[in-house]
Structures are given as C-alpha cells and as structure tokens.
Amino acid sequence: VQEVTIASNLKDMFLGIEAVGKDVVVR
C-alpha cells in the first residue's frame, strides 16, 4: 500500500497501544 493518509489524535494513539513487539529497532 502506498500514498495513503493515516489520522488520529496523539492522546488516542498513546491510549490505544495494544502491544509492543520484541522486534526492537534502534534508530
């Protein structure tokens, strides 16, 4: 998929974290 827009609110996004994977990437 390309050229799409995703939208939300940061508060809702942080409250909506369901899981964090163990596939850690360091940037």
mmCIF file of all heavy atoms, coordinates in Angstrom:
data_MODEL
# 
_entry.id   MODEL 
# 
loop_
_atom_site.group_PDB 
_atom_site.id 
_atom_site.type_symbol 
_atom_site.label_atom_id 
_atom_site.label_alt_id 
_atom_site.label_comp_id 
_atom_site.label_asym_id 
_atom_site.label_entity_id 
_atom_site.label_seq_id 
_atom_site.pdbx_PDB_ins_code 
_atom_site.Cartn_x 
_atom_site.Cartn_y 
_atom_site.Cartn_z 
_atom_site.occupancy 
_atom_site.B_iso_or_equiv 
_atom_site.pdbx_formal_charge 
_atom_site.auth_seq_id 
_atom_site.auth_comp_id 
_atom_site.auth_asym_id 
_atom_site.auth_atom_id 
_atom_site.pdbx_PDB_model_num 
ATOM 1   N N   . VAL A 1 1  ? 0.861  -1.182  0.000  1.00 0.00 ? 1  VAL A N   1 
ATOM 2   C CA  . VAL A 1 1  ? 0.000  0.000   0.000  1.00 0.00 ? 1  VAL A CA  1 
ATOM 3   C C   . VAL A 1 1  ? 0.899  1.234   0.000  1.00 0.00 ? 1  VAL A C   1 
ATOM 4   O O   . VAL A 1 1  ? 1.905  1.269   0.712  1.00 0.00 ? 1  VAL A O   1 
ATOM 5   C CB  . VAL A 1 1  ? -0.902 0.025   1.258  1.00 0.00 ? 1  VAL A CB  1 
ATOM 6   C CG1 . VAL A 1 1  ? -1.693 1.311   1.338  1.00 0.00 ? 1  VAL A CG1 1 
ATOM 7   C CG2 . VAL A 1 1  ? -1.813 -1.182  1.291  1.00 0.00 ? 1  VAL A CG2 1 
ATOM 8   N N   . GLN A 1 2  ? 0.534  2.233   -0.795 1.00 0.00 ? 2  GLN A N   1 
ATOM 9   C CA  . GLN A 1 2  ? 1.278  3.496   -0.791 1.00 0.00 ? 2  GLN A CA  1 
ATOM 10  C C   . GLN A 1 2  ? 0.321  4.652   -0.997 1.00 0.00 ? 2  GLN A C   1 
ATOM 11  O O   . GLN A 1 2  ? -0.829 4.460   -1.359 1.00 0.00 ? 2  GLN A O   1 
ATOM 12  C CB  . GLN A 1 2  ? 2.371  3.501   -1.854 1.00 0.00 ? 2  GLN A CB  1 
ATOM 13  C CG  . GLN A 1 2  ? 1.864  3.341   -3.270 1.00 0.00 ? 2  GLN A CG  1 
ATOM 14  C CD  . GLN A 1 2  ? 3.006  3.211   -4.262 1.00 0.00 ? 2  GLN A CD  1 
ATOM 15  O OE1 . GLN A 1 2  ? 4.151  3.053   -3.890 1.00 0.00 ? 2  GLN A OE1 1 
ATOM 16  N NE2 . GLN A 1 2  ? 2.687  3.283   -5.539 1.00 0.00 ? 2  GLN A NE2 1 
ATOM 17  N N   . GLU A 1 3  ? 0.807  5.851   -0.718 1.00 0.00 ? 3  GLU A N   1 
ATOM 18  C CA  . GLU A 1 3  ? 0.050  7.083   -0.908 1.00 0.00 ? 3  GLU A CA  1 
ATOM 19  C C   . GLU A 1 3  ? -1.291 7.085   -0.187 1.00 0.00 ? 3  GLU A C   1 
ATOM 20  O O   . GLU A 1 3  ? -2.324 7.435   -0.760 1.00 0.00 ? 3  GLU A O   1 
ATOM 21  C CB  . GLU A 1 3  ? -0.129 7.368   -2.400 1.00 0.00 ? 3  GLU A CB  1 
ATOM 22  C CG  . GLU A 1 3  ? 1.190  7.589   -3.112 1.00 0.00 ? 3  GLU A CG  1 
ATOM 23  C CD  . GLU A 1 3  ? 1.021  7.919   -4.585 1.00 0.00 ? 3  GLU A CD  1 
ATOM 24  O OE1 . GLU A 1 3  ? -0.100 8.244   -5.012 1.00 0.00 ? 3  GLU A OE1 1 
ATOM 25  O OE2 . GLU A 1 3  ? 2.019  7.861   -5.301 1.00 0.00 ? 3  GLU A OE2 1 
ATOM 26  N N   . VAL A 1 4  ? -1.276 6.674   1.090  1.00 0.00 ? 4  VAL A N   1 
ATOM 27  C CA  . VAL A 1 4  ? -2.475 6.773   1.924  1.00 0.00 ? 4  VAL A CA  1 
ATOM 28  C C   . VAL A 1 4  ? -2.176 7.764   3.046  1.00 0.00 ? 4  VAL A C   1 
ATOM 29  O O   . VAL A 1 4  ? -1.021 8.123   3.288  1.00 0.00 ? 4  VAL A O   1 
ATOM 30  C CB  . VAL A 1 4  ? -2.908 5.418   2.516  1.00 0.00 ? 4  VAL A CB  1 
ATOM 31  C CG1 . VAL A 1 4  ? -3.309 4.462   1.417  1.00 0.00 ? 4  VAL A CG1 1 
ATOM 32  C CG2 . VAL A 1 4  ? -1.847 4.829   3.397  1.00 0.00 ? 4  VAL A CG2 1 
ATOM 33  N N   . THR A 1 5  ? -3.227 8.202   3.696  1.00 0.00 ? 5  THR A N   1 
ATOM 34  C CA  . THR A 1 5  ? -3.088 9.084   4.851  1.00 0.00 ? 5  THR A CA  1 
ATOM 35  C C   . THR A 1 5  ? -3.632 8.367   6.069  1.00 0.00 ? 5  THR A C   1 
ATOM 36  O O   . THR A 1 5  ? -4.696 7.737   6.003  1.00 0.00 ? 5  THR A O   1 
ATOM 37  C CB  . THR A 1 5  ? -3.872 10.394  4.628  1.00 0.00 ? 5  THR A CB  1 
ATOM 38  O OG1 . THR A 1 5  ? -3.342 11.061  3.478  1.00 0.00 ? 5  THR A OG1 1 
ATOM 39  C CG2 . THR A 1 5  ? -3.761 11.311  5.833  1.00 0.00 ? 5  THR A CG2 1 
ATOM 40  N N   . ILE A 1 6  ? -2.888 8.438   7.176  1.00 0.00 ? 6  ILE A N   1 
ATOM 41  C CA  . ILE A 1 6  ? -3.396 7.917   8.443  1.00 0.00 ? 6  ILE A CA  1 
ATOM 42  C C   . ILE A 1 6  ? -3.626 9.104   9.373  1.00 0.00 ? 6  ILE A C   1 
ATOM 43  O O   . ILE A 1 6  ? -2.869 10.073  9.337  1.00 0.00 ? 6  ILE A O   1 
ATOM 44  C CB  . ILE A 1 6  ? -2.442 6.881   9.078  1.00 0.00 ? 6  ILE A CB  1 
ATOM 45  C CG1 . ILE A 1 6  ? -1.051 7.460   9.320  1.00 0.00 ? 6  ILE A CG1 1 
ATOM 46  C CG2 . ILE A 1 6  ? -2.363 5.630   8.211  1.00 0.00 ? 6  ILE A CG2 1 
ATOM 47  C CD1 . ILE A 1 6  ? -0.122 6.548   10.087 1.00 0.00 ? 6  ILE A CD1 1 
ATOM 48  N N   . ALA A 1 7  ? -4.676 9.039   10.168 1.00 0.00 ? 7  ALA A N   1 
ATOM 49  C CA  . ALA A 1 7  ? -5.008 10.168  11.034 1.00 0.00 ? 7  ALA A CA  1 
ATOM 50  C C   . ALA A 1 7  ? -5.593 9.683   12.355 1.00 0.00 ? 7  ALA A C   1 
ATOM 51  O O   . ALA A 1 7  ? -6.266 8.661   12.418 1.00 0.00 ? 7  ALA A O   1 
ATOM 52  C CB  . ALA A 1 7  ? -6.002 11.087  10.335 1.00 0.00 ? 7  ALA A CB  1 
ATOM 53  N N   . SER A 1 8  ? -5.309 10.450  13.394 1.00 0.00 ? 8  SER A N   1 
ATOM 54  C CA  . SER A 1 8  ? -5.842 10.180  14.730 1.00 0.00 ? 8  SER A CA  1 
ATOM 55  C C   . SER A 1 8  ? -5.490 11.368  15.613 1.00 0.00 ? 8  SER A C   1 
ATOM 56  O O   . SER A 1 8  ? -5.211 12.460  15.119 1.00 0.00 ? 8  SER A O   1 
ATOM 57  C CB  . SER A 1 8  ? -5.256 8.881   15.290 1.00 0.00 ? 8  SER A CB  1 
ATOM 58  O OG  . SER A 1 8  ? -5.895 8.532   16.497 1.00 0.00 ? 8  SER A OG  1 
ATOM 59  N N   . ASN A 1 9  ? -5.461 11.140  16.902 1.00 0.00 ? 9  ASN A N   1 
ATOM 60  C CA  . ASN A 1 9  ? -5.019 12.131  17.871 1.00 0.00 ? 9  ASN A CA  1 
ATOM 61  C C   . ASN A 1 9  ? -3.977 11.459  18.742 1.00 0.00 ? 9  ASN A C   1 
ATOM 62  O O   . ASN A 1 9  ? -4.137 10.283  19.112 1.00 0.00 ? 9  ASN A O   1 
ATOM 63  C CB  . ASN A 1 9  ? -6.211 12.612  18.716 1.00 0.00 ? 9  ASN A CB  1 
ATOM 64  C CG  . ASN A 1 9  ? -5.809 13.700  19.674 1.00 0.00 ? 9  ASN A CG  1 
ATOM 65  O OD1 . ASN A 1 9  ? -5.277 13.418  20.740 1.00 0.00 ? 9  ASN A OD1 1 
ATOM 66  N ND2 . ASN A 1 9  ? -6.041 14.944  19.297 1.00 0.00 ? 9  ASN A ND2 1 
ATOM 67  N N   . LEU A 1 10 ? -2.893 12.164  19.071 1.00 0.00 ? 10 LEU A N   1 
ATOM 68  C CA  . LEU A 1 10 ? -1.803 11.562  19.842 1.00 0.00 ? 10 LEU A CA  1 
ATOM 69  C C   . LEU A 1 10 ? -2.288 10.936  21.148 1.00 0.00 ? 10 LEU A C   1 
ATOM 70  O O   . LEU A 1 10 ? -1.857 9.844   21.516 1.00 0.00 ? 10 LEU A O   1 
ATOM 71  C CB  . LEU A 1 10 ? -0.709 12.594  20.125 1.00 0.00 ? 10 LEU A CB  1 
ATOM 72  C CG  . LEU A 1 10 ? 0.132  13.015  18.936 1.00 0.00 ? 10 LEU A CG  1 
ATOM 73  C CD1 . LEU A 1 10 ? 1.096  14.130  19.338 1.00 0.00 ? 10 LEU A CD1 1 
ATOM 74  C CD2 . LEU A 1 10 ? 0.895  11.840  18.364 1.00 0.00 ? 10 LEU A CD2 1 
ATOM 75  N N   . LYS A 1 11 ? -3.197 11.619  21.829 1.00 0.00 ? 11 LYS A N   1 
ATOM 76  C CA  . LYS A 1 11 ? -3.717 11.066  23.089 1.00 0.00 ? 11 LYS A CA  1 
ATOM 77  C C   . LYS A 1 11 ? -4.384 9.715   22.842 1.00 0.00 ? 11 LYS A C   1 
ATOM 78  O O   . LYS A 1 11 ? -4.115 8.741   23.547 1.00 0.00 ? 11 LYS A O   1 
ATOM 79  C CB  . LYS A 1 11 ? -4.711 12.039  23.722 1.00 0.00 ? 11 LYS A CB  1 
ATOM 80  C CG  . LYS A 1 11 ? -5.288 11.553  25.033 1.00 0.00 ? 11 LYS A CG  1 
ATOM 81  C CD  . LYS A 1 11 ? -6.286 12.566  25.587 1.00 0.00 ? 11 LYS A CD  1 
ATOM 82  C CE  . LYS A 1 11 ? -7.545 11.844  25.930 1.00 0.00 ? 11 LYS A CE  1 
ATOM 83  N NZ  . LYS A 1 11 ? -8.701 12.620  26.099 1.00 0.00 ? 11 LYS A NZ  1 
ATOM 84  N N   . ASP A 1 12 ? -5.215 9.648   21.810 1.00 0.00 ? 12 ASP A N   1 
ATOM 85  C CA  . ASP A 1 12 ? -5.898 8.397   21.478 1.00 0.00 ? 12 ASP A CA  1 
ATOM 86  C C   . ASP A 1 12 ? -4.897 7.330   21.045 1.00 0.00 ? 12 ASP A C   1 
ATOM 87  O O   . ASP A 1 12 ? -5.058 6.143   21.366 1.00 0.00 ? 12 ASP A O   1 
ATOM 88  C CB  . ASP A 1 12 ? -6.921 8.616   20.366 1.00 0.00 ? 12 ASP A CB  1 
ATOM 89  C CG  . ASP A 1 12 ? -8.043 9.545   20.796 1.00 0.00 ? 12 ASP A CG  1 
ATOM 90  O OD1 . ASP A 1 12 ? -8.333 9.606   22.009 1.00 0.00 ? 12 ASP A OD1 1 
ATOM 91  O OD2 . ASP A 1 12 ? -8.616 10.223  19.918 1.00 0.00 ? 12 ASP A OD2 1 
ATOM 92  N N   . MET A 1 13 ? -3.854 7.747   20.326 1.00 0.00 ? 13 MET A N   1 
ATOM 93  C CA  . MET A 1 13 ? -2.840 6.790   19.879 1.00 0.00 ? 13 MET A CA  1 
ATOM 94  C C   . MET A 1 13 ? -2.081 6.204   21.066 1.00 0.00 ? 13 MET A C   1 
ATOM 95  O O   . MET A 1 13 ? -1.890 4.988   21.148 1.00 0.00 ? 13 MET A O   1 
ATOM 96  C CB  . MET A 1 13 ? -1.886 7.460   18.888 1.00 0.00 ? 13 MET A CB  1 
ATOM 97  C CG  . MET A 1 13 ? -2.549 7.806   17.566 1.00 0.00 ? 13 MET A CG  1 
ATOM 98  S SD  . MET A 1 13 ? -1.575 8.903   16.531 1.00 0.00 ? 13 MET A SD  1 
ATOM 99  C CE  . MET A 1 13 ? -0.215 7.834   16.079 1.00 0.00 ? 13 MET A CE  1 
ATOM 100 N N   . PHE A 1 14 ? -1.650 7.057   21.982 1.00 0.00 ? 14 PHE A N   1 
ATOM 101 C CA  . PHE A 1 14 ? -0.919 6.552   23.150 1.00 0.00 ? 14 PHE A CA  1 
ATOM 102 C C   . PHE A 1 14 ? -1.810 5.668   24.013 1.00 0.00 ? 14 PHE A C   1 
ATOM 103 O O   . PHE A 1 14 ? -1.374 4.626   24.506 1.00 0.00 ? 14 PHE A O   1 
ATOM 104 C CB  . PHE A 1 14 ? -0.333 7.696   23.969 1.00 0.00 ? 14 PHE A CB  1 
ATOM 105 C CG  . PHE A 1 14 ? 0.866  8.342   23.329 1.00 0.00 ? 14 PHE A CG  1 
ATOM 106 C CD1 . PHE A 1 14 ? 0.913  9.710   23.156 1.00 0.00 ? 14 PHE A CD1 1 
ATOM 107 C CD2 . PHE A 1 14 ? 1.943  7.591   22.900 1.00 0.00 ? 14 PHE A CD2 1 
ATOM 108 C CE1 . PHE A 1 14 ? 2.010  10.318  22.562 1.00 0.00 ? 14 PHE A CE1 1 
ATOM 109 C CE2 . PHE A 1 14 ? 3.043  8.175   22.302 1.00 0.00 ? 14 PHE A CE2 1 
ATOM 110 C CZ  . PHE A 1 14 ? 3.081  9.540   22.131 1.00 0.00 ? 14 PHE A CZ  1 
ATOM 111 N N   . LEU A 1 15 ? -3.069 6.080   24.197 1.00 0.00 ? 15 LEU A N   1 
ATOM 112 C CA  . LEU A 1 15 ? -4.003 5.249   24.977 1.00 0.00 ? 15 LEU A CA  1 
ATOM 113 C C   . LEU A 1 15 ? -4.359 3.962   24.238 1.00 0.00 ? 15 LEU A C   1 
ATOM 114 O O   . LEU A 1 15 ? -4.774 2.988   24.861 1.00 0.00 ? 15 LEU A O   1 
ATOM 115 C CB  . LEU A 1 15 ? -5.273 6.036   25.289 1.00 0.00 ? 15 LEU A CB  1 
ATOM 116 C CG  . LEU A 1 15 ? -5.126 7.158   26.308 1.00 0.00 ? 15 LEU A CG  1 
ATOM 117 C CD1 . LEU A 1 15 ? -6.410 7.992   26.386 1.00 0.00 ? 15 LEU A CD1 1 
ATOM 118 C CD2 . LEU A 1 15 ? -4.765 6.603   27.671 1.00 0.00 ? 15 LEU A CD2 1 
ATOM 119 N N   . GLY A 1 16 ? -4.194 3.972   22.914 1.00 0.00 ? 16 GLY A N   1 
ATOM 120 C CA  . GLY A 1 16 ? -4.566 2.825   22.093 1.00 0.00 ? 16 GLY A CA  1 
ATOM 121 C C   . GLY A 1 16 ? -3.435 1.867   21.784 1.00 0.00 ? 16 GLY A C   1 
ATOM 122 O O   . GLY A 1 16 ? -3.580 1.018   20.902 1.00 0.00 ? 16 GLY A O   1 
ATOM 123 N N   . ILE A 1 17 ? -2.317 1.962   22.484 1.00 0.00 ? 17 ILE A N   1 
ATOM 124 C CA  . ILE A 1 17 ? -1.234 1.000   22.272 1.00 0.00 ? 17 ILE A CA  1 
ATOM 125 C C   . ILE A 1 17 ? -1.676 -0.341  22.850 1.00 0.00 ? 17 ILE A C   1 
ATOM 126 O O   . ILE A 1 17 ? -1.890 -0.478  24.047 1.00 0.00 ? 17 ILE A O   1 
ATOM 127 C CB  . ILE A 1 17 ? 0.083  1.464   22.916 1.00 0.00 ? 17 ILE A CB  1 
ATOM 128 C CG1 . ILE A 1 17 ? 0.594  2.733   22.231 1.00 0.00 ? 17 ILE A CG1 1 
ATOM 129 C CG2 . ILE A 1 17 ? 1.138  0.346   22.841 1.00 0.00 ? 17 ILE A CG2 1 
ATOM 130 C CD1 . ILE A 1 17 ? 1.824  3.346   22.871 1.00 0.00 ? 17 ILE A CD1 1 
ATOM 131 N N   . GLU A 1 18 ? -1.832 -1.328  21.977 1.00 0.00 ? 18 GLU A N   1 
ATOM 132 C CA  . GLU A 1 18 ? -2.268 -2.651  22.408 1.00 0.00 ? 18 GLU A CA  1 
ATOM 133 C C   . GLU A 1 18 ? -1.097 -3.579  22.694 1.00 0.00 ? 18 GLU A C   1 
ATOM 134 O O   . GLU A 1 18 ? -1.199 -4.452  23.545 1.00 0.00 ? 18 GLU A O   1 
ATOM 135 C CB  . GLU A 1 18 ? -3.185 -3.264  21.366 1.00 0.00 ? 18 GLU A CB  1 
ATOM 136 C CG  . GLU A 1 18 ? -4.512 -2.529  21.278 1.00 0.00 ? 18 GLU A CG  1 
ATOM 137 C CD  . GLU A 1 18 ? -5.537 -3.280  20.455 1.00 0.00 ? 18 GLU A CD  1 
ATOM 138 O OE1 . GLU A 1 18 ? -5.241 -4.375  19.939 1.00 0.00 ? 18 GLU A OE1 1 
ATOM 139 O OE2 . GLU A 1 18 ? -6.654 -2.761  20.334 1.00 0.00 ? 18 GLU A OE2 1 
ATOM 140 N N   . ALA A 1 19 ? -0.003 -3.400  21.964 1.00 0.00 ? 19 ALA A N   1 
ATOM 141 C CA  . ALA A 1 19 ? 1.163  -4.258  22.172 1.00 0.00 ? 19 ALA A CA  1 
ATOM 142 C C   . ALA A 1 19 ? 2.391  -3.616  21.546 1.00 0.00 ? 19 ALA A C   1 
ATOM 143 O O   . ALA A 1 19 ? 2.289  -2.852  20.595 1.00 0.00 ? 19 ALA A O   1 
ATOM 144 C CB  . ALA A 1 19 ? 0.927  -5.640  21.558 1.00 0.00 ? 19 ALA A CB  1 
ATOM 145 N N   . VAL A 1 20 ? 3.543  -3.951  22.107 1.00 0.00 ? 20 VAL A N   1 
ATOM 146 C CA  . VAL A 1 20 ? 4.836  -3.546  21.542 1.00 0.00 ? 20 VAL A CA  1 
ATOM 147 C C   . VAL A 1 20 ? 5.605  -4.828  21.272 1.00 0.00 ? 20 VAL A C   1 
ATOM 148 O O   . VAL A 1 20 ? 5.716  -5.691  22.144 1.00 0.00 ? 20 VAL A O   1 
ATOM 149 C CB  . VAL A 1 20 ? 5.621  -2.633  22.508 1.00 0.00 ? 20 VAL A CB  1 
ATOM 150 C CG1 . VAL A 1 20 ? 6.981  -2.272  21.911 1.00 0.00 ? 20 VAL A CG1 1 
ATOM 151 C CG2 . VAL A 1 20 ? 4.823  -1.378  22.829 1.00 0.00 ? 20 VAL A CG2 1 
ATOM 152 N N   . GLY A 1 21 ? 6.111  -4.951  20.066 1.00 0.00 ? 21 GLY A N   1 
ATOM 153 C CA  . GLY A 1 21 ? 6.792  -6.177  19.663 1.00 0.00 ? 21 GLY A CA  1 
ATOM 154 C C   . GLY A 1 21 ? 8.200  -6.302  20.229 1.00 0.00 ? 21 GLY A C   1 
ATOM 155 O O   . GLY A 1 21 ? 8.799  -5.334  20.676 1.00 0.00 ? 21 GLY A O   1 
ATOM 156 N N   . LYS A 1 22 ? 8.711  -7.528  20.155 1.00 0.00 ? 22 LYS A N   1 
ATOM 157 C CA  . LYS A 1 22 ? 10.077 -7.783  20.604 1.00 0.00 ? 22 LYS A CA  1 
ATOM 158 C C   . LYS A 1 22 ? 11.085 -7.585  19.470 1.00 0.00 ? 22 LYS A C   1 
ATOM 159 O O   . LYS A 1 22 ? 12.278 -7.786  19.656 1.00 0.00 ? 22 LYS A O   1 
ATOM 160 C CB  . LYS A 1 22 ? 10.190 -9.187  21.202 1.00 0.00 ? 22 LYS A CB  1 
ATOM 161 C CG  . LYS A 1 22 ? 9.927  -10.324 20.243 1.00 0.00 ? 22 LYS A CG  1 
ATOM 162 C CD  . LYS A 1 22 ? 10.037 -11.653 20.950 1.00 0.00 ? 22 LYS A CD  1 
ATOM 163 C CE  . LYS A 1 22 ? 9.729  -12.803 20.007 1.00 0.00 ? 22 LYS A CE  1 
ATOM 164 N NZ  . LYS A 1 22 ? 9.799  -14.090 20.708 1.00 0.00 ? 22 LYS A NZ  1 
ATOM 165 N N   . ASP A 1 23 ? 10.616 -7.125  18.306 1.00 0.00 ? 23 ASP A N   1 
ATOM 166 C CA  . ASP A 1 23 ? 11.463 -6.878  17.132 1.00 0.00 ? 23 ASP A CA  1 
ATOM 167 C C   . ASP A 1 23 ? 12.066 -5.467  17.218 1.00 0.00 ? 23 ASP A C   1 
ATOM 168 O O   . ASP A 1 23 ? 11.808 -4.625  16.379 1.00 0.00 ? 23 ASP A O   1 
ATOM 169 C CB  . ASP A 1 23 ? 10.660 -7.055  15.850 1.00 0.00 ? 23 ASP A CB  1 
ATOM 170 C CG  . ASP A 1 23 ? 9.438  -6.152  15.780 1.00 0.00 ? 23 ASP A CG  1 
ATOM 171 O OD1 . ASP A 1 23 ? 8.877  -5.816  16.846 1.00 0.00 ? 23 ASP A OD1 1 
ATOM 172 O OD2 . ASP A 1 23 ? 9.043  -5.776  14.665 1.00 0.00 ? 23 ASP A OD2 1 
ATOM 173 N N   . VAL A 1 24 ? 12.885 -5.245  18.206 1.00 0.00 ? 24 VAL A N   1 
ATOM 174 C CA  . VAL A 1 24 ? 13.412 -3.909  18.504 1.00 0.00 ? 24 VAL A CA  1 
ATOM 175 C C   . VAL A 1 24 ? 14.355 -3.418  17.403 1.00 0.00 ? 24 VAL A C   1 
ATOM 176 O O   . VAL A 1 24 ? 15.251 -4.131  16.959 1.00 0.00 ? 24 VAL A O   1 
ATOM 177 C CB  . VAL A 1 24 ? 14.139 -3.904  19.867 1.00 0.00 ? 24 VAL A CB  1 
ATOM 178 C CG1 . VAL A 1 24 ? 14.788 -2.552  20.138 1.00 0.00 ? 24 VAL A CG1 1 
ATOM 179 C CG2 . VAL A 1 24 ? 13.152 -4.259  20.975 1.00 0.00 ? 24 VAL A CG2 1 
ATOM 180 N N   . VAL A 1 25 ? 14.110 -2.183  16.979 1.00 0.00 ? 25 VAL A N   1 
ATOM 181 C CA  . VAL A 1 25 ? 14.968 -1.492  16.017 1.00 0.00 ? 25 VAL A CA  1 
ATOM 182 C C   . VAL A 1 25 ? 15.530 -0.269  16.728 1.00 0.00 ? 25 VAL A C   1 
ATOM 183 O O   . VAL A 1 25 ? 14.805 0.462   17.399 1.00 0.00 ? 25 VAL A O   1 
ATOM 184 C CB  . VAL A 1 25 ? 14.168 -1.053  14.766 1.00 0.00 ? 25 VAL A CB  1 
ATOM 185 C CG1 . VAL A 1 25 ? 14.999 -0.176  13.859 1.00 0.00 ? 25 VAL A CG1 1 
ATOM 186 C CG2 . VAL A 1 25 ? 13.654 -2.269  14.018 1.00 0.00 ? 25 VAL A CG2 1 
ATOM 187 N N   . VAL A 1 26 ? 16.844 -0.053  16.584 1.00 0.00 ? 26 VAL A N   1 
ATOM 188 C CA  . VAL A 1 26 ? 17.486 1.106   17.192 1.00 0.00 ? 26 VAL A CA  1 
ATOM 189 C C   . VAL A 1 26 ? 17.696 2.151   16.105 1.00 0.00 ? 26 VAL A C   1 
ATOM 190 O O   . VAL A 1 26 ? 18.281 1.859   15.064 1.00 0.00 ? 26 VAL A O   1 
ATOM 191 C CB  . VAL A 1 26 ? 18.841 0.723   17.832 1.00 0.00 ? 26 VAL A CB  1 
ATOM 192 C CG1 . VAL A 1 26 ? 19.536 1.944   18.387 1.00 0.00 ? 26 VAL A CG1 1 
ATOM 193 C CG2 . VAL A 1 26 ? 18.635 -0.342  18.901 1.00 0.00 ? 26 VAL A CG2 1 
ATOM 194 N N   . ARG A 1 27 ? 17.184 3.363   16.349 1.00 0.00 ? 27 ARG A N   1 
ATOM 195 C CA  . ARG A 1 27 ? 17.386 4.488   15.432 1.00 0.00 ? 27 ARG A CA  1 
ATOM 196 C C   . ARG A 1 27 ? 18.007 5.603   16.246 1.00 0.00 ? 27 ARG A C   1 
ATOM 197 O O   . ARG A 1 27 ? 17.322 6.269   17.025 1.00 0.00 ? 27 ARG A O   1 
ATOM 198 C CB  . ARG A 1 27 ? 16.059 4.944   14.839 1.00 0.00 ? 27 ARG A CB  1 
ATOM 199 C CG  . ARG A 1 27 ? 15.405 3.868   13.993 1.00 0.00 ? 27 ARG A CG  1 
ATOM 200 C CD  . ARG A 1 27 ? 15.126 4.365   12.583 1.00 0.00 ? 27 ARG A CD  1 
ATOM 201 N NE  . ARG A 1 27 ? 14.794 3.273   11.702 1.00 0.00 ? 27 ARG A NE  1 
ATOM 202 C CZ  . ARG A 1 27 ? 13.569 2.938   11.361 1.00 0.00 ? 27 ARG A CZ  1 
ATOM 203 N NH1 . ARG A 1 27 ? 12.552 3.615   11.815 1.00 0.00 ? 27 ARG A NH1 1 
ATOM 204 N NH2 . ARG A 1 27 ? 13.356 1.928   10.555 1.00 0.00 ? 27 ARG A NH2 1 
# 
